[in-house]
N, C-alpha and C. Protein backbone atom coordinates (compact mmCIF):
# COMPACT_ATOMS: atom_id res chain seq x y z
N MET A 1 0.84 -1.19 0.00
CA MET A 1 0.00 0.00 0.00
C MET A 1 0.88 1.25 0.00
N ASN A 2 0.54 2.21 -0.85
CA ASN A 2 1.29 3.45 -0.93
C ASN A 2 0.80 4.46 0.10
N THR A 3 1.73 5.19 0.69
CA THR A 3 1.42 6.29 1.59
C THR A 3 1.63 7.59 0.85
N ILE A 4 0.67 8.48 0.90
CA ILE A 4 0.72 9.74 0.16
C ILE A 4 1.36 10.83 1.02
N ILE A 5 2.36 11.50 0.47
CA ILE A 5 2.99 12.64 1.13
C ILE A 5 2.34 13.93 0.69
N ASN A 6 2.18 14.10 -0.61
CA ASN A 6 1.46 15.24 -1.17
C ASN A 6 0.80 14.79 -2.47
N ASN A 7 0.26 15.72 -3.26
CA ASN A 7 -0.48 15.31 -4.45
C ASN A 7 0.40 14.73 -5.55
N ASP A 8 1.71 14.72 -5.31
CA ASP A 8 2.64 14.16 -6.29
C ASP A 8 3.46 13.01 -5.72
N ILE A 9 3.89 13.13 -4.48
CA ILE A 9 4.86 12.19 -3.89
C ILE A 9 4.15 11.16 -3.01
N SER A 10 4.48 9.90 -3.25
CA SER A 10 4.01 8.79 -2.41
C SER A 10 5.20 7.89 -2.08
N PHE A 11 5.01 6.99 -1.12
CA PHE A 11 6.07 6.02 -0.84
C PHE A 11 5.47 4.69 -0.42
N GLU A 12 6.31 3.67 -0.55
CA GLU A 12 5.94 2.31 -0.18
C GLU A 12 7.01 1.74 0.74
N LYS A 13 6.57 1.00 1.72
CA LYS A 13 7.47 0.34 2.68
C LYS A 13 7.57 -1.14 2.35
N ILE A 14 8.81 -1.63 2.25
CA ILE A 14 9.06 -3.06 2.02
C ILE A 14 9.87 -3.58 3.19
N ILE A 15 9.41 -4.63 3.84
CA ILE A 15 10.12 -5.22 4.96
C ILE A 15 11.01 -6.34 4.43
N SER A 16 12.29 -6.30 4.80
CA SER A 16 13.25 -7.24 4.22
C SER A 16 14.13 -7.88 5.30
N LYS A 17 14.90 -8.85 4.88
CA LYS A 17 15.90 -9.48 5.74
C LYS A 17 17.15 -8.59 5.77
N PRO A 18 18.07 -8.75 6.73
CA PRO A 18 18.13 -9.84 7.69
C PRO A 18 17.43 -9.56 9.02
N LEU A 19 17.13 -8.31 9.32
CA LEU A 19 16.61 -7.95 10.63
C LEU A 19 15.31 -7.17 10.52
N GLU A 20 14.44 -7.65 9.62
CA GLU A 20 13.18 -6.94 9.35
C GLU A 20 13.44 -5.47 9.05
N ASN A 21 14.42 -5.27 8.17
CA ASN A 21 14.76 -3.91 7.74
C ASN A 21 13.66 -3.33 6.88
N ASN A 22 13.44 -2.03 7.03
CA ASN A 22 12.51 -1.33 6.16
C ASN A 22 13.26 -0.72 4.98
N ILE A 23 12.80 -1.02 3.79
CA ILE A 23 13.26 -0.35 2.58
C ILE A 23 12.13 0.58 2.15
N TRP A 24 12.48 1.81 1.78
CA TRP A 24 11.47 2.79 1.40
C TRP A 24 11.65 3.17 -0.06
N ILE A 25 10.59 3.05 -0.84
CA ILE A 25 10.59 3.49 -2.24
C ILE A 25 9.70 4.73 -2.33
N ILE A 26 10.30 5.85 -2.68
CA ILE A 26 9.60 7.14 -2.70
C ILE A 26 9.60 7.65 -4.13
N PHE A 27 8.45 8.08 -4.63
CA PHE A 27 8.38 8.38 -6.06
C PHE A 27 7.40 9.51 -6.36
N SER A 28 7.66 10.14 -7.50
CA SER A 28 6.80 11.19 -8.04
C SER A 28 5.86 10.60 -9.08
N LYS A 29 4.57 10.81 -8.91
CA LYS A 29 3.60 10.32 -9.89
C LYS A 29 3.69 11.13 -11.19
N GLN A 30 4.09 12.39 -11.08
CA GLN A 30 4.13 13.26 -12.27
C GLN A 30 5.30 12.91 -13.18
N THR A 31 6.48 12.64 -12.59
CA THR A 31 7.66 12.37 -13.40
C THR A 31 7.99 10.89 -13.52
N ASN A 32 7.38 10.06 -12.65
CA ASN A 32 7.67 8.62 -12.62
C ASN A 32 9.13 8.35 -12.27
N LYS A 33 9.70 9.25 -11.47
CA LYS A 33 11.07 9.07 -10.98
C LYS A 33 11.03 8.91 -9.46
N GLY A 34 12.05 8.22 -8.92
CA GLY A 34 12.00 7.95 -7.49
C GLY A 34 13.35 7.75 -6.85
N ILE A 35 13.29 7.51 -5.54
CA ILE A 35 14.48 7.22 -4.74
C ILE A 35 14.19 5.99 -3.88
N ILE A 36 15.26 5.33 -3.46
CA ILE A 36 15.16 4.22 -2.52
C ILE A 36 15.98 4.58 -1.29
N ILE A 37 15.43 4.32 -0.10
CA ILE A 37 16.17 4.51 1.13
C ILE A 37 16.58 3.15 1.69
N ASP A 38 17.88 2.95 1.79
CA ASP A 38 18.55 1.78 2.36
C ASP A 38 18.50 0.55 1.45
N ALA A 39 19.56 -0.27 1.62
CA ALA A 39 19.76 -1.42 0.74
C ALA A 39 20.26 -2.63 1.54
N PRO A 40 19.38 -3.28 2.29
CA PRO A 40 19.77 -4.47 3.03
C PRO A 40 20.17 -5.60 2.08
N PRO A 41 20.94 -6.58 2.55
CA PRO A 41 21.40 -7.66 1.67
C PRO A 41 20.35 -8.76 1.51
N ASP A 42 19.14 -8.36 1.17
CA ASP A 42 18.05 -9.31 0.89
C ASP A 42 17.86 -9.32 -0.63
N PHE A 43 18.64 -10.15 -1.31
CA PHE A 43 18.68 -10.10 -2.77
C PHE A 43 17.37 -10.55 -3.39
N GLU A 44 16.67 -11.47 -2.73
CA GLU A 44 15.36 -11.89 -3.24
C GLU A 44 14.39 -10.71 -3.21
N LYS A 45 14.40 -9.96 -2.12
CA LYS A 45 13.51 -8.81 -2.01
C LYS A 45 13.91 -7.71 -3.00
N ILE A 46 15.21 -7.50 -3.18
CA ILE A 46 15.67 -6.50 -4.15
C ILE A 46 15.19 -6.87 -5.55
N ASN A 47 15.29 -8.16 -5.89
CA ASN A 47 14.80 -8.60 -7.20
C ASN A 47 13.30 -8.34 -7.36
N GLN A 48 12.55 -8.58 -6.30
CA GLN A 48 11.11 -8.31 -6.34
C GLN A 48 10.84 -6.82 -6.54
N ILE A 49 11.59 -6.00 -5.83
CA ILE A 49 11.42 -4.55 -5.96
C ILE A 49 11.69 -4.11 -7.39
N ILE A 50 12.82 -4.58 -7.94
CA ILE A 50 13.20 -4.17 -9.30
C ILE A 50 12.17 -4.66 -10.32
N SER A 51 11.69 -5.89 -10.12
CA SER A 51 10.69 -6.43 -11.05
C SER A 51 9.39 -5.64 -11.01
N ASN A 52 9.05 -5.10 -9.82
CA ASN A 52 7.79 -4.40 -9.65
C ASN A 52 7.87 -2.91 -9.94
N LEU A 53 9.06 -2.42 -10.27
CA LEU A 53 9.19 -0.98 -10.54
C LEU A 53 8.45 -0.57 -11.80
N GLY A 54 8.34 -1.49 -12.76
CA GLY A 54 7.69 -1.15 -14.02
C GLY A 54 8.43 -0.03 -14.72
N THR A 55 7.72 1.04 -15.00
CA THR A 55 8.35 2.19 -15.67
C THR A 55 8.95 3.19 -14.70
N LEU A 56 8.82 2.93 -13.40
CA LEU A 56 9.39 3.85 -12.41
C LEU A 56 10.91 3.84 -12.49
N LYS A 57 11.51 5.02 -12.58
CA LYS A 57 12.95 5.17 -12.73
C LYS A 57 13.56 5.64 -11.41
N ILE A 58 14.37 4.78 -10.80
CA ILE A 58 15.08 5.15 -9.57
C ILE A 58 16.36 5.90 -9.94
N GLU A 59 16.51 7.10 -9.42
CA GLU A 59 17.68 7.92 -9.74
C GLU A 59 18.67 8.05 -8.58
N ASN A 60 18.20 7.84 -7.35
CA ASN A 60 19.07 7.99 -6.18
C ASN A 60 18.76 6.91 -5.15
N ILE A 61 19.83 6.37 -4.53
CA ILE A 61 19.69 5.48 -3.39
C ILE A 61 20.30 6.19 -2.19
N LEU A 62 19.51 6.38 -1.15
CA LEU A 62 19.95 7.10 0.04
C LEU A 62 20.18 6.10 1.17
N ILE A 63 21.40 6.08 1.69
CA ILE A 63 21.76 5.16 2.78
C ILE A 63 21.73 5.95 4.10
N THR A 64 20.96 5.46 5.09
CA THR A 64 20.87 6.18 6.35
C THR A 64 22.13 6.03 7.20
N HIS A 65 22.79 4.86 7.10
CA HIS A 65 24.06 4.66 7.82
C HIS A 65 24.70 3.37 7.29
N ASN A 66 25.95 3.14 7.68
CA ASN A 66 26.73 2.12 6.99
C ASN A 66 26.78 0.75 7.66
N HIS A 67 25.83 0.42 8.52
CA HIS A 67 25.81 -0.92 9.09
C HIS A 67 25.34 -1.93 8.04
N TYR A 68 25.85 -3.15 8.15
CA TYR A 68 25.69 -4.14 7.09
C TYR A 68 24.23 -4.36 6.70
N ASP A 69 23.32 -4.31 7.68
CA ASP A 69 21.93 -4.63 7.38
C ASP A 69 21.20 -3.49 6.66
N HIS A 70 21.90 -2.37 6.44
CA HIS A 70 21.32 -1.26 5.69
C HIS A 70 22.06 -0.98 4.38
N ILE A 71 23.24 -1.60 4.20
CA ILE A 71 24.06 -1.22 3.05
C ILE A 71 24.61 -2.40 2.25
N ASP A 72 24.60 -3.60 2.78
CA ASP A 72 25.30 -4.69 2.10
C ASP A 72 24.58 -5.19 0.84
N GLY A 73 23.41 -4.68 0.54
CA GLY A 73 22.76 -4.98 -0.72
C GLY A 73 22.98 -3.91 -1.77
N ILE A 74 23.82 -2.91 -1.46
CA ILE A 74 23.94 -1.74 -2.33
C ILE A 74 24.56 -2.08 -3.68
N GLU A 75 25.59 -2.91 -3.70
CA GLU A 75 26.24 -3.24 -4.98
C GLU A 75 25.27 -4.01 -5.89
N TYR A 76 24.56 -4.95 -5.30
CA TYR A 76 23.60 -5.74 -6.08
C TYR A 76 22.49 -4.85 -6.64
N MET A 77 21.98 -3.95 -5.79
CA MET A 77 20.93 -3.04 -6.23
C MET A 77 21.46 -2.10 -7.32
N TYR A 78 22.65 -1.57 -7.10
CA TYR A 78 23.30 -0.64 -8.04
C TYR A 78 23.48 -1.29 -9.42
N GLU A 79 23.91 -2.55 -9.42
CA GLU A 79 24.20 -3.23 -10.68
C GLU A 79 22.94 -3.69 -11.41
N ASN A 80 21.85 -3.90 -10.68
CA ASN A 80 20.67 -4.51 -11.29
C ASN A 80 19.53 -3.55 -11.59
N LEU A 81 19.59 -2.32 -11.07
CA LEU A 81 18.60 -1.34 -11.47
C LEU A 81 18.75 -1.04 -12.96
N LYS A 82 17.67 -0.67 -13.60
CA LYS A 82 17.65 -0.57 -15.06
C LYS A 82 18.31 0.69 -15.60
N ASN A 83 18.67 1.62 -14.71
CA ASN A 83 19.26 2.88 -15.16
C ASN A 83 20.34 3.30 -14.16
N PRO A 84 21.25 4.19 -14.56
CA PRO A 84 22.30 4.66 -13.64
C PRO A 84 21.69 5.38 -12.44
N VAL A 85 22.30 5.17 -11.27
CA VAL A 85 21.82 5.82 -10.05
C VAL A 85 22.99 6.44 -9.30
N LYS A 86 22.68 7.41 -8.44
CA LYS A 86 23.64 7.99 -7.52
C LYS A 86 23.42 7.36 -6.14
N ILE A 87 24.53 7.09 -5.45
CA ILE A 87 24.48 6.53 -4.10
C ILE A 87 24.85 7.64 -3.13
N TRP A 88 24.00 7.87 -2.13
CA TRP A 88 24.23 8.93 -1.14
C TRP A 88 24.47 8.31 0.23
N ILE A 89 25.44 8.91 0.97
CA ILE A 89 25.78 8.41 2.31
C ILE A 89 26.44 9.55 3.09
N GLY A 90 26.39 9.46 4.42
CA GLY A 90 27.08 10.44 5.25
C GLY A 90 28.58 10.36 5.05
N LYS A 91 29.24 11.50 5.06
CA LYS A 91 30.68 11.54 4.80
C LYS A 91 31.46 10.65 5.76
N ASP A 92 31.07 10.64 7.02
CA ASP A 92 31.80 9.85 8.01
C ASP A 92 31.48 8.36 7.95
N ASP A 93 30.56 7.97 7.08
CA ASP A 93 30.27 6.55 6.85
C ASP A 93 30.74 6.09 5.47
N LEU A 94 31.39 6.99 4.76
CA LEU A 94 31.75 6.76 3.36
C LEU A 94 32.70 5.59 3.15
N ASP A 95 33.58 5.32 4.11
CA ASP A 95 34.61 4.30 3.93
C ASP A 95 34.03 2.92 3.64
N LYS A 96 32.84 2.65 4.14
CA LYS A 96 32.20 1.34 3.92
C LYS A 96 31.98 1.07 2.43
N LEU A 97 31.73 2.12 1.65
CA LEU A 97 31.46 1.93 0.23
C LEU A 97 32.69 1.45 -0.54
N ASN A 98 33.88 1.56 0.07
CA ASN A 98 35.08 1.07 -0.58
C ASN A 98 35.06 -0.45 -0.75
N GLU A 99 34.19 -1.13 0.00
CA GLU A 99 34.10 -2.58 -0.09
C GLU A 99 33.33 -3.05 -1.32
N PHE A 100 32.66 -2.11 -2.02
CA PHE A 100 31.79 -2.48 -3.12
C PHE A 100 32.31 -1.94 -4.45
N SER A 101 31.95 -2.62 -5.51
CA SER A 101 32.35 -2.18 -6.86
C SER A 101 31.33 -1.17 -7.37
N ILE A 102 31.54 0.06 -6.99
CA ILE A 102 30.65 1.15 -7.39
C ILE A 102 31.52 2.28 -7.96
N ASN A 103 31.12 2.79 -9.11
CA ASN A 103 31.85 3.89 -9.74
C ASN A 103 31.88 5.08 -8.78
N LYS A 104 33.09 5.56 -8.47
CA LYS A 104 33.24 6.67 -7.52
C LYS A 104 32.49 7.91 -7.96
N ASN A 105 32.29 8.07 -9.26
CA ASN A 105 31.55 9.23 -9.76
C ASN A 105 30.07 9.16 -9.42
N ASP A 106 29.61 7.98 -9.03
CA ASP A 106 28.20 7.81 -8.69
C ASP A 106 27.94 7.91 -7.19
N ILE A 107 28.99 8.25 -6.43
CA ILE A 107 28.85 8.34 -4.98
C ILE A 107 28.79 9.80 -4.55
N LYS A 108 27.80 10.13 -3.73
CA LYS A 108 27.62 11.48 -3.20
C LYS A 108 27.57 11.42 -1.67
N THR A 109 28.01 12.48 -1.01
CA THR A 109 27.86 12.55 0.44
C THR A 109 26.88 13.66 0.80
N TYR A 110 26.15 13.43 1.87
CA TYR A 110 25.13 14.39 2.27
C TYR A 110 25.71 15.75 2.64
N THR A 111 26.95 15.77 3.09
CA THR A 111 27.56 17.03 3.51
C THR A 111 27.81 17.96 2.33
N GLU A 112 27.83 17.42 1.13
CA GLU A 112 28.03 18.26 -0.05
C GLU A 112 26.76 19.01 -0.43
N ASN A 113 25.61 18.48 -0.06
CA ASN A 113 24.32 19.07 -0.40
C ASN A 113 23.38 18.89 0.78
N SER A 114 22.58 19.90 1.09
CA SER A 114 21.64 19.78 2.19
C SER A 114 20.34 19.14 1.75
N ASN A 115 20.13 19.05 0.44
CA ASN A 115 18.90 18.44 -0.06
C ASN A 115 19.01 18.14 -1.55
N ILE A 116 18.07 17.35 -2.04
CA ILE A 116 17.85 17.16 -3.47
C ILE A 116 16.36 17.39 -3.70
N LYS A 117 15.93 17.30 -4.95
CA LYS A 117 14.51 17.46 -5.24
C LYS A 117 13.98 16.23 -5.97
N LEU A 118 12.80 15.83 -5.59
CA LEU A 118 12.06 14.80 -6.31
C LEU A 118 10.91 15.52 -6.97
N ASN A 119 11.08 15.80 -8.27
CA ASN A 119 10.22 16.72 -9.00
C ASN A 119 10.25 18.07 -8.29
N ASN A 120 9.13 18.53 -7.72
CA ASN A 120 9.10 19.84 -7.07
C ASN A 120 9.16 19.76 -5.55
N THR A 121 9.41 18.57 -5.01
CA THR A 121 9.42 18.37 -3.57
C THR A 121 10.84 18.19 -3.07
N PHE A 122 11.21 18.95 -2.04
CA PHE A 122 12.55 18.85 -1.47
C PHE A 122 12.69 17.58 -0.62
N VAL A 123 13.82 16.92 -0.78
CA VAL A 123 14.23 15.79 0.05
C VAL A 123 15.43 16.29 0.84
N LYS A 124 15.24 16.50 2.15
CA LYS A 124 16.26 17.15 2.96
C LYS A 124 17.05 16.13 3.77
N PHE A 125 18.34 16.41 3.93
CA PHE A 125 19.24 15.53 4.67
C PHE A 125 19.56 16.16 6.03
N ILE A 126 19.38 15.40 7.10
CA ILE A 126 19.63 15.89 8.46
C ILE A 126 20.69 15.00 9.11
N PRO A 127 21.92 15.48 9.27
CA PRO A 127 22.97 14.69 9.93
C PRO A 127 22.58 14.41 11.38
N THR A 128 22.63 13.14 11.77
CA THR A 128 22.25 12.76 13.14
C THR A 128 23.27 11.74 13.69
N PRO A 129 24.50 12.17 13.94
CA PRO A 129 25.52 11.23 14.43
C PRO A 129 25.15 10.63 15.78
N GLY A 130 25.66 9.42 16.01
CA GLY A 130 25.42 8.73 17.27
C GLY A 130 25.41 7.24 17.07
N HIS A 131 24.43 6.74 16.33
CA HIS A 131 24.41 5.31 16.02
C HIS A 131 25.63 4.96 15.18
N THR A 132 25.92 5.77 14.17
CA THR A 132 27.23 5.83 13.51
C THR A 132 27.57 7.30 13.37
N ASN A 133 28.82 7.59 13.07
CA ASN A 133 29.23 9.00 12.94
C ASN A 133 28.56 9.68 11.75
N GLY A 134 28.26 8.89 10.71
CA GLY A 134 27.66 9.47 9.52
C GLY A 134 26.16 9.26 9.38
N SER A 135 25.52 8.81 10.44
CA SER A 135 24.06 8.58 10.39
C SER A 135 23.34 9.84 9.92
N THR A 136 22.38 9.64 9.02
CA THR A 136 21.65 10.76 8.42
C THR A 136 20.18 10.40 8.30
N CYS A 137 19.31 11.35 8.67
CA CYS A 137 17.87 11.16 8.51
C CYS A 137 17.41 11.90 7.25
N ILE A 138 16.35 11.39 6.65
CA ILE A 138 15.84 11.92 5.39
C ILE A 138 14.46 12.52 5.66
N SER A 139 14.32 13.83 5.40
CA SER A 139 13.07 14.53 5.68
C SER A 139 12.37 14.93 4.38
N ILE A 140 11.08 14.58 4.29
CA ILE A 140 10.27 14.97 3.14
C ILE A 140 8.94 15.51 3.69
N GLU A 141 8.81 16.83 3.66
CA GLU A 141 7.63 17.49 4.21
C GLU A 141 7.38 17.02 5.64
N ASN A 142 6.22 16.42 5.95
CA ASN A 142 5.95 16.04 7.34
C ASN A 142 6.25 14.57 7.61
N HIS A 143 7.23 14.03 6.88
CA HIS A 143 7.68 12.66 7.07
C HIS A 143 9.20 12.67 7.26
N ILE A 144 9.69 11.84 8.18
CA ILE A 144 11.14 11.73 8.35
C ILE A 144 11.51 10.26 8.48
N PHE A 145 12.52 9.86 7.72
CA PHE A 145 13.01 8.49 7.68
C PHE A 145 14.29 8.46 8.50
N THR A 146 14.25 7.77 9.66
CA THR A 146 15.27 7.95 10.69
C THR A 146 16.32 6.85 10.77
N GLY A 147 16.27 5.88 9.88
CA GLY A 147 17.28 4.81 9.96
C GLY A 147 17.26 4.19 11.35
N ASP A 148 18.44 4.08 11.98
CA ASP A 148 18.52 3.53 13.33
C ASP A 148 18.82 4.62 14.36
N THR A 149 18.45 5.86 14.05
CA THR A 149 18.65 6.94 15.02
C THR A 149 17.51 7.01 16.02
N LEU A 150 16.27 6.92 15.55
CA LEU A 150 15.12 7.07 16.43
C LEU A 150 14.06 6.02 16.09
N PHE A 151 13.61 5.31 17.13
CA PHE A 151 12.55 4.32 17.02
C PHE A 151 11.41 4.68 17.98
N PRO A 152 10.25 4.07 17.79
CA PRO A 152 9.24 4.18 18.84
C PRO A 152 9.80 3.61 20.14
N GLY A 153 9.87 4.41 21.18
CA GLY A 153 10.34 3.90 22.46
C GLY A 153 11.81 4.10 22.76
N GLY A 154 12.55 4.73 21.85
CA GLY A 154 13.95 4.97 22.20
C GLY A 154 14.87 5.20 21.02
N PRO A 155 16.15 5.47 21.33
CA PRO A 155 17.16 5.70 20.29
C PRO A 155 17.74 4.40 19.77
N GLY A 156 18.51 4.49 18.72
CA GLY A 156 19.23 3.34 18.22
C GLY A 156 20.36 2.94 19.15
N ARG A 157 20.86 1.75 18.96
CA ARG A 157 21.94 1.23 19.80
C ARG A 157 23.20 2.06 19.64
N THR A 158 23.94 2.23 20.73
CA THR A 158 25.23 2.93 20.70
C THR A 158 26.30 2.05 21.34
N SER A 159 27.54 2.27 20.90
CA SER A 159 28.64 1.41 21.33
C SER A 159 29.32 1.89 22.61
N ASN A 160 29.18 3.18 22.94
CA ASN A 160 29.83 3.73 24.13
C ASN A 160 29.07 4.96 24.59
N SER A 161 29.44 5.47 25.75
CA SER A 161 28.70 6.58 26.35
C SER A 161 28.84 7.86 25.53
N ASN A 162 29.98 8.05 24.88
CA ASN A 162 30.16 9.24 24.05
C ASN A 162 29.19 9.23 22.86
N ASP A 163 29.05 8.06 22.23
CA ASP A 163 28.10 7.95 21.12
C ASP A 163 26.67 8.10 21.61
N PHE A 164 26.39 7.63 22.83
CA PHE A 164 25.05 7.80 23.37
C PHE A 164 24.73 9.28 23.57
N LYS A 165 25.69 10.04 24.05
CA LYS A 165 25.48 11.48 24.19
C LYS A 165 25.27 12.14 22.83
N LYS A 166 26.00 11.65 21.82
CA LYS A 166 25.83 12.19 20.46
C LYS A 166 24.43 11.92 19.92
N ILE A 167 23.95 10.70 20.12
CA ILE A 167 22.63 10.37 19.57
C ILE A 167 21.53 11.13 20.29
N LEU A 168 21.69 11.33 21.61
CA LEU A 168 20.72 12.14 22.34
C LEU A 168 20.71 13.57 21.82
N ASN A 169 21.89 14.11 21.56
CA ASN A 169 21.98 15.46 21.03
C ASN A 169 21.31 15.55 19.65
N SER A 170 21.55 14.55 18.82
CA SER A 170 20.94 14.53 17.49
C SER A 170 19.42 14.49 17.59
N ILE A 171 18.93 13.62 18.46
CA ILE A 171 17.49 13.47 18.60
C ILE A 171 16.86 14.73 19.17
N GLU A 172 17.46 15.26 20.22
CA GLU A 172 16.87 16.42 20.89
C GLU A 172 16.93 17.68 20.03
N ASN A 173 18.04 17.90 19.34
CA ASN A 173 18.25 19.17 18.65
C ASN A 173 18.00 19.13 17.14
N LYS A 174 17.86 17.92 16.58
CA LYS A 174 17.62 17.81 15.14
C LYS A 174 16.24 17.23 14.82
N LEU A 175 15.73 16.34 15.67
CA LEU A 175 14.48 15.64 15.36
C LEU A 175 13.29 16.12 16.18
N LEU A 176 13.47 16.23 17.48
CA LEU A 176 12.34 16.60 18.33
C LEU A 176 11.93 18.06 18.15
N VAL A 177 12.71 18.83 17.42
CA VAL A 177 12.34 20.22 17.12
C VAL A 177 11.43 20.29 15.89
N LEU A 178 11.22 19.18 15.21
CA LEU A 178 10.34 19.16 14.04
C LEU A 178 8.89 19.29 14.49
N SER A 179 8.01 19.53 13.54
CA SER A 179 6.58 19.64 13.85
C SER A 179 6.11 18.40 14.61
N PRO A 180 5.32 18.59 15.67
CA PRO A 180 4.87 17.44 16.48
C PRO A 180 4.16 16.36 15.69
N ASN A 181 3.51 16.73 14.60
CA ASN A 181 2.77 15.75 13.81
C ASN A 181 3.62 15.09 12.72
N THR A 182 4.91 15.39 12.72
CA THR A 182 5.80 14.72 11.76
C THR A 182 5.77 13.22 12.00
N LEU A 183 5.59 12.46 10.93
CA LEU A 183 5.58 11.00 11.01
C LEU A 183 7.01 10.47 10.94
N VAL A 184 7.35 9.60 11.86
CA VAL A 184 8.70 9.02 11.95
C VAL A 184 8.67 7.60 11.38
N HIS A 185 9.53 7.36 10.38
CA HIS A 185 9.62 6.06 9.74
C HIS A 185 11.03 5.49 10.00
N PRO A 186 11.18 4.60 10.97
CA PRO A 186 12.50 4.07 11.31
C PRO A 186 12.98 2.98 10.37
N GLY A 187 14.23 2.58 10.56
CA GLY A 187 14.82 1.56 9.71
C GLY A 187 14.35 0.16 9.99
N HIS A 188 13.70 -0.04 11.14
CA HIS A 188 13.11 -1.32 11.52
C HIS A 188 11.80 -1.02 12.26
N GLY A 189 10.83 -1.86 12.07
CA GLY A 189 9.63 -1.77 12.89
C GLY A 189 8.62 -0.72 12.47
N ALA A 190 7.76 -0.39 13.42
CA ALA A 190 6.60 0.46 13.15
C ALA A 190 6.94 1.94 13.20
N ASP A 191 6.01 2.74 12.68
CA ASP A 191 6.15 4.19 12.68
C ASP A 191 5.73 4.78 14.02
N THR A 192 6.06 6.05 14.20
CA THR A 192 5.59 6.81 15.35
C THR A 192 5.47 8.26 14.92
N LYS A 193 5.26 9.15 15.87
CA LYS A 193 5.21 10.59 15.59
C LYS A 193 6.19 11.32 16.49
N ILE A 194 6.62 12.49 16.03
CA ILE A 194 7.56 13.29 16.82
C ILE A 194 6.95 13.63 18.18
N LYS A 195 5.66 13.97 18.24
CA LYS A 195 5.06 14.34 19.52
C LYS A 195 5.09 13.18 20.51
N THR A 196 4.95 11.96 20.00
CA THR A 196 5.04 10.79 20.87
C THR A 196 6.46 10.59 21.37
N SER A 197 7.42 10.71 20.47
CA SER A 197 8.83 10.57 20.85
C SER A 197 9.23 11.65 21.84
N LYS A 198 8.71 12.84 21.66
CA LYS A 198 9.04 13.94 22.57
C LYS A 198 8.55 13.65 23.98
N LYS A 199 7.33 13.13 24.10
CA LYS A 199 6.78 12.78 25.41
C LYS A 199 7.62 11.69 26.06
N GLU A 200 7.99 10.68 25.27
CA GLU A 200 8.82 9.59 25.79
C GLU A 200 10.17 10.10 26.27
N TYR A 201 10.75 11.02 25.51
CA TYR A 201 12.06 11.56 25.86
C TYR A 201 12.00 12.40 27.13
N GLU A 202 10.92 13.16 27.31
CA GLU A 202 10.77 13.96 28.53
C GLU A 202 10.70 13.07 29.76
N ILE A 203 10.00 11.95 29.66
CA ILE A 203 9.94 11.00 30.78
C ILE A 203 11.33 10.45 31.08
N PHE A 204 12.06 10.12 30.01
CA PHE A 204 13.42 9.61 30.16
C PHE A 204 14.32 10.62 30.87
N LYS A 205 14.26 11.89 30.44
CA LYS A 205 15.10 12.92 31.05
C LYS A 205 14.77 13.12 32.53
N ASN A 206 13.51 12.99 32.87
CA ASN A 206 13.09 13.21 34.26
C ASN A 206 13.49 12.08 35.19
N LYS A 207 14.02 11.00 34.65
CA LYS A 207 14.51 9.91 35.49
C LYS A 207 15.85 10.24 36.14
N ASN A 208 16.49 11.32 35.65
CA ASN A 208 17.78 11.78 36.20
C ASN A 208 18.84 10.68 36.21
N LEU A 209 18.93 9.96 35.11
CA LEU A 209 19.93 8.92 34.98
C LEU A 209 21.31 9.53 34.72
N GLU A 210 22.35 8.77 35.03
CA GLU A 210 23.71 9.24 34.76
C GLU A 210 24.02 8.97 33.28
N ILE A 211 23.74 9.97 32.46
CA ILE A 211 23.90 9.83 31.01
C ILE A 211 25.31 9.41 30.64
N SER A 212 26.29 9.91 31.37
CA SER A 212 27.69 9.64 31.03
C SER A 212 28.06 8.16 31.14
N LYS A 213 27.18 7.36 31.76
CA LYS A 213 27.49 5.95 31.95
C LYS A 213 26.63 5.04 31.05
N LEU A 214 25.75 5.64 30.24
CA LEU A 214 24.81 4.84 29.46
C LEU A 214 25.29 4.59 28.05
N SER A 215 24.96 3.42 27.53
CA SER A 215 25.17 3.09 26.11
C SER A 215 24.48 1.77 25.85
N GLY A 216 24.57 1.27 24.61
CA GLY A 216 23.93 0.02 24.26
C GLY A 216 22.51 0.23 23.80
N ASN A 217 21.64 -0.72 24.12
CA ASN A 217 20.22 -0.62 23.76
C ASN A 217 19.46 0.04 24.90
N ILE A 218 19.10 1.29 24.72
CA ILE A 218 18.43 2.06 25.77
C ILE A 218 16.99 2.34 25.33
N SER A 219 16.06 2.12 26.25
CA SER A 219 14.66 2.48 25.98
C SER A 219 14.31 3.72 26.78
N TRP A 220 13.42 4.54 26.20
CA TRP A 220 12.97 5.72 26.92
C TRP A 220 12.23 5.30 28.19
């Protein structure tokens, strides 16, 4: 089922392996051009996506961060799409792409551009370091695709307390400042709203936990 963003832009969610990853296909009905967010190594699902594209032309693949379950299908997707595409990733996550056979001219980093356009609709890039240094969220009007930065009920996993402080800063100062009715589409699982995440975060802050000692899988 397609979700409508505006009178031109819609998107579809595909759940894939290995960890019930969400792949997002976002497209313009007027131009029949689109983007894909994230490329898990589920080659069967990628084949299904490509087969079902029909006349839809994918021009950009946006990677939210460089963990294997979001990027290890990128070379297969890149090689099998019917037309040339650009691969986008955070600058601090760029090194992972060296493992794949991708033309360097087709690689872009979010730090070079703050947004692109899908027909007349802006697709904005919001750097949100913490889960990885190059983690980036994708904002389209009142929808935001958060990768593993923000989930219903808490932030993404962090490896140490410094990264946990980074992800909290990203969430508090980059995401929770968005319109309360902004829909949050994470890299795994169900959607939520910014107003819900904000309420959860306020409860978390009021617990007066020692932030400097926290990391790993934290729930609000």
